[in-house]
Amino acid sequence: MFNGKSIFISGGTGSFGRHFIHRLLEQYPPQPGCLKVVQNVDPHAGLPA
């Protein structure tokens, strides 16, 4: 279903999101060099003042 596809997931930190991402990566391992994880420590970063 997701083989050869690009997937963008925003969030994924709740119980459903963590389980979904874990299952997704189990069933459809990413191509080497294609997995990118972005973590924004400051939830207000990038918002206009």
N, C-alpha and C. Protein backbone atom coordinates (compact mmCIF):
# COMPACT_ATOMS: atom_id res chain seq x y z
N MET A 1 0.82 -1.19 0.00
CA MET A 1 0.00 0.00 0.00
C MET A 1 0.87 1.26 0.00
N PHE A 2 1.91 1.30 0.85
CA PHE A 2 2.76 2.48 0.94
C PHE A 2 4.13 2.28 0.31
N ASN A 3 4.36 1.13 -0.32
CA ASN A 3 5.66 0.89 -0.95
C ASN A 3 5.91 1.91 -2.04
N GLY A 4 7.09 2.54 -2.01
CA GLY A 4 7.46 3.52 -3.02
C GLY A 4 6.75 4.85 -2.88
N LYS A 5 6.09 5.08 -1.76
CA LYS A 5 5.33 6.32 -1.55
C LYS A 5 6.06 7.22 -0.57
N SER A 6 5.81 8.51 -0.67
CA SER A 6 6.29 9.48 0.32
C SER A 6 5.16 9.75 1.29
N ILE A 7 5.47 9.74 2.57
CA ILE A 7 4.46 9.94 3.61
C ILE A 7 4.93 11.06 4.53
N PHE A 8 4.05 12.02 4.78
CA PHE A 8 4.33 13.11 5.72
C PHE A 8 3.42 12.93 6.92
N ILE A 9 4.02 12.84 8.10
CA ILE A 9 3.24 12.70 9.33
C ILE A 9 3.57 13.88 10.22
N SER A 10 2.56 14.62 10.56
CA SER A 10 2.72 15.77 11.46
C SER A 10 2.14 15.38 12.81
N GLY A 11 2.94 15.49 13.84
CA GLY A 11 2.49 15.05 15.16
C GLY A 11 2.97 13.63 15.40
N GLY A 12 2.07 12.76 15.76
CA GLY A 12 2.43 11.37 15.99
C GLY A 12 3.00 11.11 17.36
N THR A 13 2.76 12.01 18.33
CA THR A 13 3.34 11.83 19.66
C THR A 13 2.35 11.24 20.65
N GLY A 14 1.09 11.14 20.30
CA GLY A 14 0.10 10.54 21.19
C GLY A 14 0.17 9.02 21.12
N SER A 15 -0.67 8.35 21.90
CA SER A 15 -0.64 6.89 21.94
C SER A 15 -0.98 6.29 20.58
N PHE A 16 -1.99 6.85 19.89
CA PHE A 16 -2.34 6.34 18.57
C PHE A 16 -1.21 6.61 17.58
N GLY A 17 -0.68 7.83 17.59
CA GLY A 17 0.37 8.20 16.65
C GLY A 17 1.61 7.35 16.79
N ARG A 18 2.03 7.11 18.03
CA ARG A 18 3.22 6.28 18.25
C ARG A 18 2.98 4.85 17.76
N HIS A 19 1.81 4.29 18.05
CA HIS A 19 1.50 2.93 17.61
C HIS A 19 1.41 2.86 16.08
N PHE A 20 0.76 3.86 15.49
CA PHE A 20 0.61 3.89 14.04
C PHE A 20 1.97 3.97 13.35
N ILE A 21 2.84 4.85 13.81
CA ILE A 21 4.16 5.00 13.20
C ILE A 21 4.98 3.73 13.38
N HIS A 22 4.92 3.13 14.56
CA HIS A 22 5.64 1.88 14.80
C HIS A 22 5.18 0.80 13.81
N ARG A 23 3.87 0.63 13.66
CA ARG A 23 3.34 -0.37 12.74
C ARG A 23 3.70 -0.04 11.29
N LEU A 24 3.61 1.23 10.94
CA LEU A 24 3.93 1.66 9.58
C LEU A 24 5.39 1.32 9.24
N LEU A 25 6.31 1.62 10.17
CA LEU A 25 7.72 1.34 9.92
C LEU A 25 8.02 -0.16 9.93
N GLU A 26 7.26 -0.94 10.69
CA GLU A 26 7.43 -2.40 10.68
C GLU A 26 7.02 -2.98 9.32
N GLN A 27 5.88 -2.54 8.82
CA GLN A 27 5.33 -3.11 7.59
C GLN A 27 5.95 -2.53 6.33
N TYR A 28 6.41 -1.29 6.39
CA TYR A 28 6.97 -0.61 5.22
C TYR A 28 8.26 0.09 5.61
N PRO A 29 9.37 -0.66 5.73
CA PRO A 29 10.64 -0.04 6.11
C PRO A 29 11.03 1.05 5.12
N PRO A 30 11.57 2.17 5.62
CA PRO A 30 11.95 3.25 4.71
C PRO A 30 13.17 2.89 3.88
N GLN A 31 13.30 3.50 2.72
CA GLN A 31 14.48 3.35 1.89
C GLN A 31 15.66 3.96 2.65
N PRO A 32 16.87 3.44 2.48
CA PRO A 32 18.03 4.03 3.15
C PRO A 32 18.17 5.51 2.82
N GLY A 33 18.33 6.32 3.84
CA GLY A 33 18.52 7.76 3.65
C GLY A 33 17.24 8.54 3.41
N CYS A 34 16.08 7.90 3.54
CA CYS A 34 14.82 8.59 3.24
C CYS A 34 14.00 8.95 4.47
N LEU A 35 14.38 8.49 5.64
CA LEU A 35 13.60 8.77 6.85
C LEU A 35 14.13 10.05 7.49
N LYS A 36 13.26 11.01 7.69
CA LYS A 36 13.67 12.27 8.30
C LYS A 36 12.75 12.55 9.49
N VAL A 37 13.35 12.76 10.64
CA VAL A 37 12.60 13.07 11.85
C VAL A 37 12.94 14.49 12.25
N VAL A 38 11.91 15.31 12.40
CA VAL A 38 12.11 16.70 12.80
C VAL A 38 11.43 16.89 14.14
N GLN A 39 12.20 17.33 15.11
CA GLN A 39 11.63 17.60 16.43
C GLN A 39 11.85 19.06 16.75
N ASN A 40 10.77 19.74 17.03
CA ASN A 40 10.84 21.15 17.39
C ASN A 40 10.69 21.24 18.90
N VAL A 41 11.77 21.60 19.58
CA VAL A 41 11.76 21.66 21.04
C VAL A 41 10.87 22.79 21.53
N ASP A 42 10.89 23.92 20.85
CA ASP A 42 10.09 25.08 21.26
C ASP A 42 8.78 25.07 20.48
N PRO A 43 7.63 24.83 21.14
CA PRO A 43 6.37 24.76 20.41
C PRO A 43 5.96 26.09 19.78
N HIS A 44 6.57 27.20 20.20
CA HIS A 44 6.23 28.50 19.67
C HIS A 44 7.23 29.00 18.63
N ALA A 45 8.25 28.20 18.33
CA ALA A 45 9.26 28.60 17.36
C ALA A 45 8.62 28.76 15.98
N GLY A 46 8.97 29.80 15.30
CA GLY A 46 8.47 30.04 13.96
C GLY A 46 7.14 30.76 13.90
N LEU A 47 6.52 31.01 15.06
CA LEU A 47 5.26 31.74 15.07
C LEU A 47 5.54 33.23 15.10
N PRO A 48 4.72 34.03 14.43
CA PRO A 48 4.93 35.48 14.47
C PRO A 48 4.75 36.02 15.89
N ALA A 49 5.53 37.04 16.21
CA ALA A 49 5.47 37.63 17.57
C ALA A 49 4.22 38.47 17.74
